[in-house]
Amino acid sequence: MAVNEQWYVIRCAPGSQRSASGQTGKMGEPESMIERTLRNEGFSVFMPTVHYEVRHNRTKKWIERRYPLLTGYAFVDMAGRNFEDARQVEGVMCFLRRSRTSGPYRMPSHDIAVMRAVEEENRNLIYTQRAEREARERKALHLTTRKDREKIMPKDTIAMICGRNPFAGLIARVLGPSSRGKVKAVIETLDSLVEIDIPLENLEAVA
């Protein structure tokens, strides 16, 4: 943390802490609407968040989510900035004060550093758990036997091709197990039937 930073607490408008759509923040990571509007106006903003992963009901993919640790509040670095400029930013309701007669409350730098450390620890835990889960999934996939794959995707099963696959969205008919965690299937094109070897995780039975 830079020695000249001056962090103040702002009250966020309802709904402004929801995830912003479209492009992500400076580091290519998700951001909320209040973070985006403040950043677009040249302010440094810190909204402590908790990260977690959920599995999509339909695609079964794991998705990273985040939600504010302090609902309704965020921190803005006001070093060299005008308070009125920040108040005019969409989503900023007001600056937090200790009393009606006192000025905006300045957050101790140590407290900001502690919250940043907690958030970073939480994110590192998510990344570690993700890596361990993906390793287990890869190991389980490679250890499946032909008999296992026959049970999971029996011959003549009609399945949807999903995930990151050039044939994603097409319907295939399973012919039987192939090699290295794959299944042999056939898809129908405009003028012919095409046999392909496809990873087991890219097939979702539909009938």
N, C-alpha and C. Protein backbone atom coordinates (compact mmCIF):
# COMPACT_ATOMS: atom_id res chain seq x y z
N MET A 1 0.83 -1.20 0.00
CA MET A 1 0.00 0.00 0.00
C MET A 1 0.87 1.24 0.00
N ALA A 2 0.57 2.17 -0.89
CA ALA A 2 1.35 3.40 -0.98
C ALA A 2 1.16 4.24 0.28
N VAL A 3 2.23 4.92 0.70
CA VAL A 3 2.19 5.67 1.96
C VAL A 3 1.26 6.88 1.86
N ASN A 4 0.99 7.37 0.65
CA ASN A 4 0.16 8.57 0.51
C ASN A 4 -1.31 8.26 0.28
N GLU A 5 -1.71 6.99 0.39
CA GLU A 5 -3.11 6.64 0.19
C GLU A 5 -3.95 7.13 1.38
N GLN A 6 -5.15 7.59 1.07
CA GLN A 6 -6.08 8.07 2.10
C GLN A 6 -7.45 7.46 1.83
N TRP A 7 -7.74 6.40 2.55
CA TRP A 7 -8.96 5.64 2.30
C TRP A 7 -10.12 6.13 3.16
N TYR A 8 -11.26 6.36 2.50
CA TYR A 8 -12.47 6.78 3.17
C TYR A 8 -13.60 5.81 2.84
N VAL A 9 -14.55 5.73 3.77
CA VAL A 9 -15.66 4.79 3.61
C VAL A 9 -16.83 5.47 2.89
N ILE A 10 -17.33 4.82 1.86
CA ILE A 10 -18.51 5.35 1.16
C ILE A 10 -19.69 4.40 1.36
N ARG A 11 -20.87 4.98 1.36
CA ARG A 11 -22.10 4.20 1.37
C ARG A 11 -22.54 4.01 -0.07
N CYS A 12 -22.75 2.74 -0.46
CA CYS A 12 -23.10 2.42 -1.84
C CYS A 12 -24.61 2.38 -2.01
N ALA A 13 -25.07 2.85 -3.14
CA ALA A 13 -26.50 2.81 -3.44
C ALA A 13 -26.96 1.36 -3.60
N PRO A 14 -28.20 1.05 -3.23
CA PRO A 14 -28.71 -0.32 -3.40
C PRO A 14 -28.56 -0.80 -4.84
N GLY A 15 -28.04 -2.00 -4.98
CA GLY A 15 -27.86 -2.59 -6.31
C GLY A 15 -26.54 -2.28 -6.96
N SER A 16 -25.80 -1.29 -6.45
CA SER A 16 -24.56 -0.89 -7.11
C SER A 16 -23.41 -1.87 -6.89
N GLN A 17 -23.59 -2.79 -5.94
CA GLN A 17 -22.54 -3.79 -5.69
C GLN A 17 -22.75 -5.07 -6.48
N ARG A 18 -23.78 -5.08 -7.32
CA ARG A 18 -23.98 -6.24 -8.20
C ARG A 18 -22.88 -6.28 -9.26
N SER A 19 -22.63 -7.45 -9.79
CA SER A 19 -21.59 -7.61 -10.80
C SER A 19 -21.91 -6.79 -12.04
N ALA A 20 -20.90 -6.13 -12.56
CA ALA A 20 -21.06 -5.35 -13.78
C ALA A 20 -20.96 -6.29 -14.98
N SER A 21 -21.71 -6.01 -16.01
CA SER A 21 -21.67 -6.84 -17.21
C SER A 21 -20.59 -6.35 -18.16
N GLY A 22 -20.31 -7.15 -19.17
CA GLY A 22 -19.33 -6.74 -20.17
C GLY A 22 -17.91 -6.97 -19.71
N GLN A 23 -17.02 -6.08 -20.13
CA GLN A 23 -15.60 -6.25 -19.87
C GLN A 23 -15.31 -6.24 -18.37
N THR A 24 -14.21 -6.87 -18.00
CA THR A 24 -13.83 -6.95 -16.60
C THR A 24 -12.91 -5.80 -16.23
N GLY A 25 -12.42 -5.83 -14.98
CA GLY A 25 -11.60 -4.75 -14.47
C GLY A 25 -10.20 -4.72 -15.03
N LYS A 26 -9.35 -3.90 -14.41
CA LYS A 26 -7.99 -3.68 -14.90
C LYS A 26 -7.20 -4.97 -15.00
N MET A 27 -7.36 -5.85 -14.02
CA MET A 27 -6.58 -7.09 -13.99
C MET A 27 -7.32 -8.24 -14.66
N GLY A 28 -8.35 -7.93 -15.43
CA GLY A 28 -9.09 -8.97 -16.12
C GLY A 28 -9.98 -9.78 -15.20
N GLU A 29 -10.36 -9.21 -14.05
CA GLU A 29 -11.15 -9.91 -13.06
C GLU A 29 -12.53 -9.26 -12.94
N PRO A 30 -13.52 -10.01 -12.39
CA PRO A 30 -14.86 -9.44 -12.25
C PRO A 30 -14.85 -8.20 -11.37
N GLU A 31 -15.80 -7.30 -11.61
CA GLU A 31 -15.93 -6.12 -10.78
C GLU A 31 -17.41 -5.76 -10.66
N SER A 32 -17.73 -5.00 -9.62
CA SER A 32 -19.10 -4.57 -9.41
C SER A 32 -19.35 -3.26 -10.16
N MET A 33 -20.61 -2.85 -10.21
CA MET A 33 -20.94 -1.62 -10.90
C MET A 33 -20.33 -0.40 -10.20
N ILE A 34 -20.33 -0.40 -8.86
CA ILE A 34 -19.75 0.74 -8.15
C ILE A 34 -18.25 0.81 -8.37
N GLU A 35 -17.59 -0.35 -8.43
CA GLU A 35 -16.15 -0.36 -8.70
C GLU A 35 -15.86 0.20 -10.09
N ARG A 36 -16.68 -0.20 -11.05
CA ARG A 36 -16.45 0.24 -12.43
C ARG A 36 -16.67 1.74 -12.58
N THR A 37 -17.77 2.25 -12.02
CA THR A 37 -18.05 3.68 -12.19
C THR A 37 -16.99 4.54 -11.52
N LEU A 38 -16.54 4.13 -10.34
CA LEU A 38 -15.49 4.90 -9.66
C LEU A 38 -14.17 4.82 -10.43
N ARG A 39 -13.84 3.62 -10.91
CA ARG A 39 -12.60 3.45 -11.67
C ARG A 39 -12.63 4.27 -12.95
N ASN A 40 -13.80 4.31 -13.61
CA ASN A 40 -13.92 5.09 -14.84
C ASN A 40 -13.74 6.59 -14.59
N GLU A 41 -13.99 7.02 -13.36
CA GLU A 41 -13.81 8.43 -13.01
C GLU A 41 -12.42 8.69 -12.42
N GLY A 42 -11.56 7.69 -12.47
CA GLY A 42 -10.18 7.87 -12.03
C GLY A 42 -9.92 7.64 -10.56
N PHE A 43 -10.89 7.08 -9.83
CA PHE A 43 -10.71 6.81 -8.40
C PHE A 43 -10.18 5.39 -8.18
N SER A 44 -9.35 5.24 -7.16
CA SER A 44 -8.93 3.92 -6.71
C SER A 44 -9.97 3.45 -5.70
N VAL A 45 -10.51 2.27 -5.90
CA VAL A 45 -11.59 1.78 -5.04
C VAL A 45 -11.25 0.38 -4.55
N PHE A 46 -11.64 0.09 -3.33
CA PHE A 46 -11.43 -1.24 -2.75
C PHE A 46 -12.74 -1.68 -2.12
N MET A 47 -13.33 -2.73 -2.67
CA MET A 47 -14.54 -3.32 -2.11
C MET A 47 -14.20 -4.74 -1.67
N PRO A 48 -14.00 -4.96 -0.36
CA PRO A 48 -13.64 -6.30 0.12
C PRO A 48 -14.69 -7.32 -0.30
N THR A 49 -14.25 -8.44 -0.82
CA THR A 49 -15.17 -9.47 -1.29
C THR A 49 -14.77 -10.84 -0.82
N VAL A 50 -15.73 -11.74 -0.86
CA VAL A 50 -15.49 -13.16 -0.58
C VAL A 50 -15.71 -13.91 -1.89
N HIS A 51 -14.77 -14.77 -2.25
CA HIS A 51 -14.86 -15.53 -3.49
C HIS A 51 -15.26 -16.97 -3.21
N TYR A 52 -16.07 -17.52 -4.09
CA TYR A 52 -16.46 -18.92 -3.97
C TYR A 52 -16.80 -19.44 -5.35
N GLU A 53 -16.95 -20.75 -5.47
CA GLU A 53 -17.28 -21.36 -6.76
C GLU A 53 -18.59 -22.12 -6.66
N VAL A 54 -19.37 -22.03 -7.72
CA VAL A 54 -20.63 -22.78 -7.80
C VAL A 54 -20.63 -23.56 -9.11
N ARG A 55 -21.40 -24.62 -9.13
CA ARG A 55 -21.49 -25.44 -10.34
C ARG A 55 -22.79 -25.14 -11.06
N HIS A 56 -22.67 -24.83 -12.35
CA HIS A 56 -23.84 -24.49 -13.16
C HIS A 56 -24.74 -25.72 -13.27
N ASN A 57 -26.04 -25.52 -13.04
CA ASN A 57 -26.98 -26.64 -13.05
C ASN A 57 -27.04 -27.36 -14.40
N ARG A 58 -26.94 -26.60 -15.49
CA ARG A 58 -27.10 -27.21 -16.81
C ARG A 58 -25.78 -27.66 -17.42
N THR A 59 -24.80 -26.77 -17.44
CA THR A 59 -23.53 -27.11 -18.10
C THR A 59 -22.59 -27.89 -17.19
N LYS A 60 -22.86 -27.85 -15.86
CA LYS A 60 -22.02 -28.53 -14.86
C LYS A 60 -20.63 -27.91 -14.74
N LYS A 61 -20.44 -26.75 -15.34
CA LYS A 61 -19.15 -26.08 -15.23
C LYS A 61 -19.07 -25.32 -13.90
N TRP A 62 -17.85 -25.22 -13.36
CA TRP A 62 -17.64 -24.47 -12.13
C TRP A 62 -17.44 -22.99 -12.49
N ILE A 63 -18.13 -22.11 -11.77
CA ILE A 63 -18.09 -20.67 -12.03
C ILE A 63 -17.67 -19.94 -10.76
N GLU A 64 -16.72 -19.02 -10.89
CA GLU A 64 -16.29 -18.24 -9.73
C GLU A 64 -17.24 -17.07 -9.50
N ARG A 65 -17.69 -16.93 -8.27
CA ARG A 65 -18.56 -15.83 -7.88
C ARG A 65 -17.88 -15.03 -6.76
N ARG A 66 -18.34 -13.80 -6.58
CA ARG A 66 -17.85 -12.96 -5.48
C ARG A 66 -19.00 -12.13 -4.94
N TYR A 67 -18.97 -11.87 -3.65
CA TYR A 67 -19.98 -10.99 -3.08
C TYR A 67 -19.31 -10.10 -2.03
N PRO A 68 -19.86 -8.92 -1.79
CA PRO A 68 -19.21 -7.96 -0.90
C PRO A 68 -19.17 -8.45 0.54
N LEU A 69 -18.03 -8.28 1.16
CA LEU A 69 -17.88 -8.65 2.56
C LEU A 69 -18.63 -7.67 3.46
N LEU A 70 -18.65 -6.40 3.06
CA LEU A 70 -19.36 -5.36 3.81
C LEU A 70 -20.49 -4.83 2.92
N THR A 71 -21.65 -5.43 3.05
CA THR A 71 -22.77 -5.05 2.19
C THR A 71 -23.12 -3.58 2.40
N GLY A 72 -23.12 -2.83 1.30
CA GLY A 72 -23.49 -1.43 1.36
C GLY A 72 -22.34 -0.47 1.51
N TYR A 73 -21.11 -1.00 1.60
CA TYR A 73 -19.97 -0.12 1.83
C TYR A 73 -18.77 -0.50 0.95
N ALA A 74 -17.95 0.48 0.66
CA ALA A 74 -16.69 0.29 -0.06
C ALA A 74 -15.74 1.39 0.38
N PHE A 75 -14.51 1.33 -0.11
CA PHE A 75 -13.48 2.30 0.29
C PHE A 75 -12.91 2.98 -0.95
N VAL A 76 -12.71 4.28 -0.83
CA VAL A 76 -12.18 5.06 -1.94
C VAL A 76 -10.94 5.82 -1.46
N ASP A 77 -9.89 5.76 -2.28
CA ASP A 77 -8.67 6.51 -1.97
C ASP A 77 -8.87 7.96 -2.42
N MET A 78 -8.90 8.87 -1.45
CA MET A 78 -9.18 10.27 -1.75
C MET A 78 -7.92 11.14 -1.75
N ALA A 79 -6.74 10.53 -1.76
CA ALA A 79 -5.50 11.31 -1.79
C ALA A 79 -5.47 12.19 -3.04
N GLY A 80 -5.42 13.50 -2.83
CA GLY A 80 -5.37 14.44 -3.94
C GLY A 80 -6.67 14.60 -4.69
N ARG A 81 -7.77 14.07 -4.16
CA ARG A 81 -9.06 14.16 -4.85
C ARG A 81 -10.05 15.00 -4.05
N ASN A 82 -11.07 15.46 -4.73
CA ASN A 82 -12.11 16.29 -4.13
C ASN A 82 -13.29 15.41 -3.73
N PHE A 83 -13.75 15.58 -2.49
CA PHE A 83 -14.85 14.75 -2.00
C PHE A 83 -16.12 14.94 -2.82
N GLU A 84 -16.35 16.14 -3.27
CA GLU A 84 -17.57 16.39 -4.03
C GLU A 84 -17.56 15.66 -5.37
N ASP A 85 -16.37 15.49 -5.96
CA ASP A 85 -16.26 14.74 -7.22
C ASP A 85 -16.69 13.30 -7.01
N ALA A 86 -16.29 12.73 -5.87
CA ALA A 86 -16.66 11.34 -5.58
C ALA A 86 -18.16 11.22 -5.31
N ARG A 87 -18.72 12.20 -4.63
CA ARG A 87 -20.15 12.16 -4.32
C ARG A 87 -21.01 12.20 -5.59
N GLN A 88 -20.48 12.78 -6.65
CA GLN A 88 -21.23 12.89 -7.91
C GLN A 88 -21.21 11.60 -8.72
N VAL A 89 -20.37 10.64 -8.34
CA VAL A 89 -20.26 9.39 -9.10
C VAL A 89 -21.51 8.54 -8.86
N GLU A 90 -22.04 7.99 -9.93
CA GLU A 90 -23.24 7.15 -9.82
C GLU A 90 -22.98 5.97 -8.90
N GLY A 91 -23.88 5.75 -7.96
CA GLY A 91 -23.74 4.64 -7.02
C GLY A 91 -23.20 5.04 -5.67
N VAL A 92 -22.61 6.25 -5.57
CA VAL A 92 -22.09 6.74 -4.29
C VAL A 92 -23.18 7.55 -3.61
N MET A 93 -23.62 7.10 -2.45
CA MET A 93 -24.66 7.81 -1.72
C MET A 93 -24.07 8.92 -0.84
N CYS A 94 -23.02 8.56 -0.09
CA CYS A 94 -22.42 9.54 0.81
C CYS A 94 -21.15 8.95 1.40
N PHE A 95 -20.39 9.77 2.12
CA PHE A 95 -19.24 9.31 2.88
C PHE A 95 -19.68 9.04 4.31
N LEU A 96 -19.13 8.00 4.89
CA LEU A 96 -19.46 7.65 6.27
C LEU A 96 -18.81 8.65 7.23
N ARG A 97 -19.60 9.08 8.22
CA ARG A 97 -19.11 10.00 9.25
C ARG A 97 -19.35 9.37 10.62
N ARG A 98 -18.53 9.75 11.59
CA ARG A 98 -18.73 9.26 12.95
C ARG A 98 -19.87 9.99 13.64
N SER A 99 -20.10 11.22 13.23
CA SER A 99 -21.20 12.01 13.79
C SER A 99 -21.65 13.02 12.75
N ARG A 100 -22.76 13.68 13.01
CA ARG A 100 -23.28 14.65 12.06
C ARG A 100 -22.36 15.85 11.88
N THR A 101 -21.59 16.15 12.92
CA THR A 101 -20.74 17.35 12.88
C THR A 101 -19.31 17.05 12.43
N SER A 102 -18.95 15.76 12.36
CA SER A 102 -17.58 15.41 11.97
C SER A 102 -17.47 15.28 10.46
N GLY A 103 -16.23 15.31 9.98
CA GLY A 103 -15.99 15.13 8.56
C GLY A 103 -16.02 13.66 8.18
N PRO A 104 -15.83 13.33 6.90
CA PRO A 104 -15.79 11.93 6.46
C PRO A 104 -14.76 11.13 7.26
N TYR A 105 -15.15 9.90 7.59
CA TYR A 105 -14.28 9.05 8.41
C TYR A 105 -13.17 8.44 7.56
N ARG A 106 -11.93 8.68 7.98
CA ARG A 106 -10.78 8.10 7.27
C ARG A 106 -10.44 6.75 7.89
N MET A 107 -10.36 5.75 7.04
CA MET A 107 -10.08 4.37 7.48
C MET A 107 -8.59 4.20 7.73
N PRO A 108 -8.19 3.67 8.90
CA PRO A 108 -6.76 3.42 9.16
C PRO A 108 -6.15 2.52 8.09
N SER A 109 -4.98 2.86 7.64
CA SER A 109 -4.31 2.09 6.58
C SER A 109 -4.10 0.65 7.00
N HIS A 110 -3.84 0.44 8.29
CA HIS A 110 -3.61 -0.93 8.77
C HIS A 110 -4.86 -1.80 8.55
N ASP A 111 -6.05 -1.24 8.80
CA ASP A 111 -7.29 -2.01 8.62
C ASP A 111 -7.52 -2.37 7.16
N ILE A 112 -7.19 -1.45 6.27
CA ILE A 112 -7.31 -1.75 4.84
C ILE A 112 -6.36 -2.88 4.45
N ALA A 113 -5.14 -2.82 4.97
CA ALA A 113 -4.14 -3.85 4.67
C ALA A 113 -4.60 -5.22 5.17
N VAL A 114 -5.21 -5.25 6.35
CA VAL A 114 -5.70 -6.52 6.91
C VAL A 114 -6.81 -7.10 6.03
N MET A 115 -7.74 -6.25 5.60
CA MET A 115 -8.83 -6.74 4.75
C MET A 115 -8.32 -7.21 3.39
N ARG A 116 -7.32 -6.54 2.87
CA ARG A 116 -6.73 -6.98 1.60
C ARG A 116 -6.08 -8.35 1.78
N ALA A 117 -5.40 -8.55 2.89
CA ALA A 117 -4.73 -9.82 3.15
C ALA A 117 -5.74 -10.96 3.30
N VAL A 118 -6.85 -10.69 3.98
CA VAL A 118 -7.89 -11.70 4.15
C VAL A 118 -8.50 -12.07 2.80
N GLU A 119 -8.78 -11.07 1.97
CA GLU A 119 -9.34 -11.33 0.64
C GLU A 119 -8.36 -12.14 -0.21
N GLU A 120 -7.09 -11.80 -0.16
CA GLU A 120 -6.08 -12.52 -0.94
C GLU A 120 -5.96 -13.97 -0.46
N GLU A 121 -6.04 -14.17 0.84
CA GLU A 121 -5.98 -15.53 1.39
C GLU A 121 -7.18 -16.35 0.92
N ASN A 122 -8.34 -15.73 0.91
CA ASN A 122 -9.55 -16.41 0.44
C ASN A 122 -9.43 -16.80 -1.03
N ARG A 123 -8.92 -15.89 -1.85
CA ARG A 123 -8.79 -16.17 -3.28
C ARG A 123 -7.75 -17.25 -3.52
N ASN A 124 -6.66 -17.22 -2.79
CA ASN A 124 -5.64 -18.26 -2.94
C ASN A 124 -6.20 -19.63 -2.57
N LEU A 125 -7.08 -19.66 -1.55
CA LEU A 125 -7.70 -20.92 -1.15
C LEU A 125 -8.59 -21.45 -2.27
N ILE A 126 -9.34 -20.54 -2.90
CA ILE A 126 -10.20 -20.94 -4.03
C ILE A 126 -9.35 -21.52 -5.15
N TYR A 127 -8.25 -20.86 -5.48
CA TYR A 127 -7.38 -21.34 -6.57
C TYR A 127 -6.77 -22.70 -6.23
N THR A 128 -6.38 -22.89 -4.96
CA THR A 128 -5.81 -24.17 -4.54
C THR A 128 -6.85 -25.28 -4.63
N GLN A 129 -8.05 -25.01 -4.15
CA GLN A 129 -9.13 -26.00 -4.21
C GLN A 129 -9.50 -26.32 -5.66
N ARG A 130 -9.48 -25.30 -6.52
CA ARG A 130 -9.79 -25.52 -7.93
C ARG A 130 -8.74 -26.43 -8.58
N ALA A 131 -7.47 -26.14 -8.31
CA ALA A 131 -6.39 -26.96 -8.89
C ALA A 131 -6.48 -28.40 -8.41
N GLU A 132 -6.78 -28.59 -7.12
CA GLU A 132 -6.90 -29.94 -6.57
C GLU A 132 -8.09 -30.67 -7.19
N ARG A 133 -9.21 -29.97 -7.36
CA ARG A 133 -10.39 -30.59 -7.95
C ARG A 133 -10.13 -30.99 -9.40
N GLU A 134 -9.51 -30.09 -10.16
CA GLU A 134 -9.22 -30.39 -11.56
C GLU A 134 -8.24 -31.55 -11.69
N ALA A 135 -7.30 -31.63 -10.76
CA ALA A 135 -6.35 -32.75 -10.77
C ALA A 135 -7.07 -34.07 -10.50
N ARG A 136 -8.00 -34.04 -9.55
CA ARG A 136 -8.78 -35.26 -9.25
C ARG A 136 -9.63 -35.68 -10.44
N GLU A 137 -10.22 -34.67 -11.11
CA GLU A 137 -11.06 -34.99 -12.26
C GLU A 137 -10.24 -35.59 -13.40
N ARG A 138 -9.05 -35.01 -13.62
CA ARG A 138 -8.19 -35.56 -14.68
C ARG A 138 -7.76 -36.99 -14.34
N LYS A 139 -7.41 -37.19 -13.08
CA LYS A 139 -6.96 -38.52 -12.66
C LYS A 139 -8.09 -39.53 -12.80
N ALA A 140 -9.29 -39.14 -12.35
CA ALA A 140 -10.43 -40.05 -12.44
C ALA A 140 -10.75 -40.39 -13.88
N LEU A 141 -10.63 -39.39 -14.75
CA LEU A 141 -10.93 -39.62 -16.17
C LEU A 141 -9.95 -40.60 -16.78
N HIS A 142 -8.67 -40.41 -16.51
CA HIS A 142 -7.65 -41.27 -17.11
C HIS A 142 -7.66 -42.67 -16.53
N LEU A 143 -8.23 -42.82 -15.32
CA LEU A 143 -8.24 -44.14 -14.69
C LEU A 143 -9.48 -44.95 -15.05
N THR A 144 -10.41 -44.37 -15.77
CA THR A 144 -11.60 -45.12 -16.13
C THR A 144 -11.23 -46.23 -17.10
N THR A 145 -11.78 -47.40 -16.85
CA THR A 145 -11.54 -48.54 -17.74
C THR A 145 -12.59 -48.54 -18.84
N ARG A 146 -12.38 -49.39 -19.82
CA ARG A 146 -13.37 -49.53 -20.90
C ARG A 146 -14.72 -49.96 -20.32
N LYS A 147 -14.66 -50.84 -19.31
CA LYS A 147 -15.89 -51.31 -18.69
C LYS A 147 -16.62 -50.17 -17.98
N ASP A 148 -15.82 -49.29 -17.33
CA ASP A 148 -16.42 -48.13 -16.67
C ASP A 148 -17.16 -47.26 -17.68
N ARG A 149 -16.50 -47.01 -18.81
CA ARG A 149 -17.10 -46.14 -19.81
C ARG A 149 -18.32 -46.78 -20.46
N GLU A 150 -18.32 -48.10 -20.56
CA GLU A 150 -19.49 -48.80 -21.09
C GLU A 150 -20.69 -48.63 -20.16
N LYS A 151 -20.43 -48.59 -18.83
CA LYS A 151 -21.51 -48.41 -17.87
C LYS A 151 -22.02 -46.97 -17.88
N ILE A 152 -21.08 -46.02 -17.99
CA ILE A 152 -21.46 -44.61 -17.97
C ILE A 152 -22.19 -44.20 -19.24
N MET A 153 -21.65 -44.64 -20.38
CA MET A 153 -22.24 -44.32 -21.69
C MET A 153 -22.42 -45.62 -22.49
N PRO A 154 -23.51 -46.36 -22.22
CA PRO A 154 -23.73 -47.62 -22.94
C PRO A 154 -23.90 -47.40 -24.44
N LYS A 155 -23.66 -48.45 -25.18
CA LYS A 155 -23.83 -48.39 -26.64
C LYS A 155 -25.24 -47.93 -26.99
N ASP A 156 -25.34 -47.09 -28.01
CA ASP A 156 -26.60 -46.54 -28.55
C ASP A 156 -27.21 -45.45 -27.67
N THR A 157 -26.46 -45.01 -26.63
CA THR A 157 -26.94 -43.86 -25.86
C THR A 157 -26.96 -42.62 -26.75
N ILE A 158 -28.03 -41.86 -26.70
CA ILE A 158 -28.10 -40.60 -27.43
C ILE A 158 -27.64 -39.49 -26.49
N ALA A 159 -26.61 -38.76 -26.88
CA ALA A 159 -26.01 -37.78 -25.99
C ALA A 159 -25.76 -36.45 -26.71
N MET A 160 -25.80 -35.39 -25.91
CA MET A 160 -25.46 -34.05 -26.40
C MET A 160 -23.96 -33.83 -26.19
N ILE A 161 -23.29 -33.32 -27.21
CA ILE A 161 -21.88 -32.98 -27.09
C ILE A 161 -21.80 -31.58 -26.46
N CYS A 162 -21.06 -31.45 -25.36
CA CYS A 162 -21.02 -30.20 -24.62
C CYS A 162 -19.58 -29.81 -24.30
N GLY A 163 -19.42 -28.70 -23.60
CA GLY A 163 -18.10 -28.24 -23.19
C GLY A 163 -17.30 -27.66 -24.35
N ARG A 164 -16.01 -27.57 -24.14
CA ARG A 164 -15.12 -27.02 -25.17
C ARG A 164 -14.78 -28.10 -26.18
N ASN A 165 -15.59 -28.22 -27.19
CA ASN A 165 -15.43 -29.25 -28.21
C ASN A 165 -15.93 -28.67 -29.52
N PRO A 166 -15.21 -28.92 -30.62
CA PRO A 166 -15.64 -28.37 -31.92
C PRO A 166 -17.02 -28.83 -32.35
N PHE A 167 -17.51 -29.95 -31.78
CA PHE A 167 -18.83 -30.46 -32.14
C PHE A 167 -19.89 -30.11 -31.09
N ALA A 168 -19.56 -29.22 -30.17
CA ALA A 168 -20.49 -28.87 -29.08
C ALA A 168 -21.84 -28.45 -29.64
N GLY A 169 -22.91 -28.97 -29.01
CA GLY A 169 -24.26 -28.63 -29.44
C GLY A 169 -24.89 -29.68 -30.35
N LEU A 170 -24.07 -30.58 -30.90
CA LEU A 170 -24.59 -31.63 -31.79
C LEU A 170 -25.00 -32.86 -30.98
N ILE A 171 -25.88 -33.65 -31.58
CA ILE A 171 -26.34 -34.89 -30.96
C ILE A 171 -25.53 -36.06 -31.54
N ALA A 172 -25.09 -36.96 -30.67
CA ALA A 172 -24.30 -38.10 -31.10
C ALA A 172 -24.90 -39.41 -30.58
N ARG A 173 -24.62 -40.48 -31.27
CA ARG A 173 -25.02 -41.82 -30.81
C ARG A 173 -23.77 -42.59 -30.43
N VAL A 174 -23.73 -43.08 -29.21
CA VAL A 174 -22.54 -43.76 -28.69
C VAL A 174 -22.38 -45.13 -29.34
N LEU A 175 -21.15 -45.40 -29.78
CA LEU A 175 -20.84 -46.71 -30.37
C LEU A 175 -20.14 -47.63 -29.38
N GLY A 176 -19.41 -47.03 -28.44
CA GLY A 176 -18.70 -47.83 -27.45
C GLY A 176 -17.47 -47.10 -26.94
N PRO A 177 -16.77 -47.68 -25.97
CA PRO A 177 -15.58 -47.05 -25.39
C PRO A 177 -14.43 -46.99 -26.38
N SER A 178 -13.64 -45.93 -26.28
CA SER A 178 -12.44 -45.79 -27.09
C SER A 178 -11.24 -45.87 -26.15
N SER A 179 -10.21 -45.06 -26.40
CA SER A 179 -9.00 -45.11 -25.56
C SER A 179 -8.84 -43.83 -24.76
N ARG A 180 -8.06 -43.90 -23.68
CA ARG A 180 -7.68 -42.74 -22.87
C ARG A 180 -8.89 -41.89 -22.46
N GLY A 181 -9.88 -42.53 -21.83
CA GLY A 181 -11.02 -41.81 -21.31
C GLY A 181 -11.98 -41.30 -22.35
N LYS A 182 -11.88 -41.78 -23.57
CA LYS A 182 -12.76 -41.31 -24.64
C LYS A 182 -13.80 -42.36 -25.02
N VAL A 183 -14.81 -41.86 -25.72
CA VAL A 183 -15.90 -42.71 -26.20
C VAL A 183 -16.03 -42.52 -27.70
N LYS A 184 -16.25 -43.62 -28.41
CA LYS A 184 -16.47 -43.52 -29.86
C LYS A 184 -17.95 -43.27 -30.09
N ALA A 185 -18.23 -42.26 -30.90
CA ALA A 185 -19.62 -41.91 -31.18
C ALA A 185 -19.75 -41.53 -32.65
N VAL A 186 -20.98 -41.44 -33.08
CA VAL A 186 -21.24 -41.08 -34.47
C VAL A 186 -22.21 -39.89 -34.47
N ILE A 187 -21.92 -38.92 -35.32
CA ILE A 187 -22.80 -37.77 -35.50
C ILE A 187 -23.24 -37.71 -36.95
N GLU A 188 -24.41 -37.16 -37.17
CA GLU A 188 -24.96 -37.07 -38.51
C GLU A 188 -24.77 -35.67 -39.06
N THR A 189 -24.06 -35.58 -40.18
CA THR A 189 -23.89 -34.29 -40.86
C THR A 189 -24.92 -34.19 -41.97
N LEU A 190 -24.81 -33.16 -42.78
CA LEU A 190 -25.78 -32.96 -43.85
C LEU A 190 -25.78 -34.09 -44.87
N ASP A 191 -24.61 -34.67 -45.11
CA ASP A 191 -24.53 -35.67 -46.19
C ASP A 191 -23.93 -37.01 -45.77
N SER A 192 -23.59 -37.17 -44.47
CA SER A 192 -22.98 -38.44 -44.07
C SER A 192 -22.99 -38.60 -42.57
N LEU A 193 -22.57 -39.78 -42.13
CA LEU A 193 -22.36 -40.06 -40.71
C LEU A 193 -20.87 -40.00 -40.42
N VAL A 194 -20.50 -39.35 -39.34
CA VAL A 194 -19.09 -39.17 -39.01
C VAL A 194 -18.80 -39.78 -37.65
N GLU A 195 -17.80 -40.66 -37.61
CA GLU A 195 -17.38 -41.26 -36.35
C GLU A 195 -16.31 -40.38 -35.71
N ILE A 196 -16.43 -40.17 -34.40
CA ILE A 196 -15.45 -39.36 -33.67
C ILE A 196 -15.13 -40.02 -32.34
N ASP A 197 -13.94 -39.74 -31.83
CA ASP A 197 -13.57 -40.11 -30.47
C ASP A 197 -13.70 -38.86 -29.62
N ILE A 198 -14.50 -38.92 -28.59
CA ILE A 198 -14.79 -37.73 -27.80
C ILE A 198 -14.61 -38.01 -26.31
N PRO A 199 -14.00 -37.10 -25.57
CA PRO A 199 -13.81 -37.30 -24.12
C PRO A 199 -15.14 -37.54 -23.42
N LEU A 200 -15.12 -38.39 -22.44
CA LEU A 200 -16.33 -38.76 -21.73
C LEU A 200 -17.02 -37.53 -21.12
N GLU A 201 -16.21 -36.58 -20.60
CA GLU A 201 -16.81 -35.42 -19.94
C GLU A 201 -17.51 -34.47 -20.91
N ASN A 202 -17.31 -34.69 -22.23
CA ASN A 202 -17.96 -33.84 -23.22
C ASN A 202 -19.26 -34.45 -23.76
N LEU A 203 -19.76 -35.49 -23.09
CA LEU A 203 -21.01 -36.12 -23.48
C LEU A 203 -22.01 -36.05 -22.33
N GLU A 204 -23.23 -35.64 -22.66
CA GLU A 204 -24.31 -35.57 -21.66
C GLU A 204 -25.51 -36.30 -22.23
N ALA A 205 -25.85 -37.44 -21.62
CA ALA A 205 -26.94 -38.26 -22.13
C ALA A 205 -28.25 -37.50 -22.14
N VAL A 206 -29.00 -37.63 -23.24
CA VAL A 206 -30.29 -36.95 -23.34
C VAL A 206 -31.42 -37.95 -23.53
N ALA A 207 -31.08 -39.19 -23.80
CA ALA A 207 -32.12 -40.22 -23.98
C ALA A 207 -31.52 -41.59 -23.75
